[in-house]
């Protein structure tokens, strides 16, 4: 699934990496616990989270996540967006709740591992 499809499906706004929306993601996960992301996420390209702090971007970088979608209408601060830009990570925000966002992406073909 291309990131532009993720944007459309989740009614998301792109905050970082708008030039990378043609990139493909093959799997995703949703978590507000970054320790779980570090422990259990492998070969996942997309992270859905409601956590809005710089650790999210650091975690995404460490786990090779291409895109972070902040759910529940959460908006990261400028520092987080800047960090993502520097690391080549796409950042979006979606009004959808975590459960709904995961379900929408799953029903449109994006799987978790």
Protein backbone atom coordinates (compact mmCIF):
# COMPACT_ATOMS: atom_id res chain seq x y z
CA UNK A 1 0.00 0.00 0.00
CA UNK A 2 1.34 3.43 -0.87
CA UNK A 3 1.53 6.09 1.81
CA UNK A 4 -0.80 8.28 -0.26
CA UNK A 5 -3.42 5.52 0.20
CA UNK A 6 -2.82 5.52 3.95
CA UNK A 7 -3.39 9.28 3.91
CA UNK A 8 -6.66 8.89 2.01
CA UNK A 9 -7.99 5.96 4.06
CA UNK A 10 -7.29 7.68 7.39
CA UNK A 11 -8.30 11.19 6.25
CA UNK A 12 -4.83 12.17 7.41
CA UNK A 13 -2.85 15.36 7.10
CA UNK A 14 0.82 15.05 6.15
CA UNK A 15 3.18 17.02 8.40
CA UNK A 16 6.50 15.66 7.16
CA UNK A 17 7.65 13.80 4.06
CA UNK A 18 4.95 14.84 1.59
CA UNK A 19 7.42 14.08 -1.20
CA UNK A 20 7.56 10.41 -0.12
CA UNK A 21 3.87 9.48 -0.38
CA UNK A 22 4.47 7.16 -3.34
CA UNK A 23 6.55 4.85 -1.12
CA UNK A 24 5.12 1.43 -0.31
CA UNK A 25 4.41 0.04 3.14
CA UNK A 26 3.70 -3.65 3.55
CA UNK A 27 2.74 -3.87 7.22
CA UNK A 28 1.85 -1.78 10.21
CA UNK A 29 1.22 -1.76 13.93
CA UNK A 30 -0.54 0.36 16.51
CA UNK A 31 0.79 1.04 20.00
CA UNK A 32 1.08 3.74 22.62
CA UNK A 33 3.79 1.76 24.42
CA UNK A 34 7.13 2.45 22.79
CA UNK A 35 8.72 -0.38 24.77
CA UNK A 36 6.32 -2.77 23.01
CA UNK A 37 7.27 -1.29 19.65
CA UNK A 38 10.95 -1.87 20.43
CA UNK A 39 10.34 -5.40 21.73
CA UNK A 40 7.81 -6.74 19.24
CA UNK A 41 7.88 -4.70 16.04
CA UNK A 42 9.96 -6.24 13.29
CA UNK A 43 9.65 -5.59 9.56
CA UNK A 44 6.79 -3.14 10.03
CA UNK A 45 6.75 0.02 7.98
CA UNK A 46 3.98 2.02 9.64
CA UNK A 47 3.31 2.98 13.26
CA UNK A 48 -0.02 4.27 14.54
CA UNK A 49 0.26 5.94 17.94
CA UNK A 50 -1.29 8.50 20.22
CA UNK A 51 2.01 9.21 21.97
CA UNK A 52 3.25 12.67 21.07
CA UNK A 53 6.86 13.00 22.15
CA UNK A 54 10.31 12.89 20.53
CA UNK A 55 10.82 9.28 21.63
CA UNK A 56 8.30 8.19 19.00
CA UNK A 57 10.57 9.41 16.20
CA UNK A 58 13.67 7.93 17.85
CA UNK A 59 11.86 4.60 18.18
CA UNK A 60 10.71 4.75 14.56
CA UNK A 61 14.27 5.38 13.44
CA UNK A 62 15.63 2.47 15.49
CA UNK A 63 13.03 0.06 14.08
CA UNK A 64 13.18 1.26 10.45
CA UNK A 65 9.60 2.52 10.46
CA UNK A 66 8.95 4.69 7.38
CA UNK A 67 5.81 6.46 8.59
CA UNK A 68 4.29 7.50 11.91
CA UNK A 69 0.59 8.34 12.03
CA UNK A 70 -0.56 10.17 15.15
CA UNK A 71 -4.16 9.14 15.82
CA UNK A 72 -7.04 10.78 17.72
CA UNK A 73 -6.25 14.11 16.09
CA UNK A 74 -3.00 14.45 18.03
CA UNK A 75 -0.59 17.00 16.58
CA UNK A 76 3.13 16.66 17.30
CA UNK A 77 5.11 19.79 18.06
CA UNK A 78 7.57 21.41 15.68
CA UNK A 79 10.50 19.63 17.35
CA UNK A 80 9.02 16.22 16.54
CA UNK A 81 8.20 17.16 12.96
CA UNK A 82 11.73 18.53 12.49
CA UNK A 83 13.27 15.34 13.90
CA UNK A 84 11.20 13.27 11.49
CA UNK A 85 12.23 15.42 8.52
CA UNK A 86 15.90 15.06 9.44
CA UNK A 87 15.51 11.28 9.63
CA UNK A 88 13.40 10.86 6.50
CA UNK A 89 10.32 9.65 8.38
CA UNK A 90 6.88 10.53 7.06
CA UNK A 91 4.58 11.99 9.73
CA UNK A 92 0.80 12.22 9.47
CA UNK A 93 -2.02 13.03 11.84
CA UNK A 94 -5.45 11.42 11.62
CA UNK A 95 -8.72 12.18 13.39
CA UNK A 96 -9.44 8.43 13.67
CA UNK A 97 -9.09 6.55 16.93
CA UNK A 98 -6.39 3.88 17.10
CA UNK A 99 -8.78 0.92 16.87
CA UNK A 100 -10.65 2.40 13.93
CA UNK A 101 -7.46 3.40 12.11
CA UNK A 102 -6.01 -0.10 12.48
CA UNK A 103 -9.27 -1.63 11.24
CA UNK A 104 -9.50 0.69 8.25
CA UNK A 105 -5.95 -0.09 7.15
CA UNK A 106 -6.41 -3.82 7.74
CA UNK A 107 -9.66 -3.94 5.77
CA UNK A 108 -7.89 -2.19 2.91
CA UNK A 109 -5.12 -4.79 2.77
CA UNK A 110 -2.38 -3.60 5.13
CA UNK A 111 -1.36 -6.39 7.47
CA UNK A 112 0.64 -6.68 10.66
CA UNK A 113 3.36 -9.26 11.17
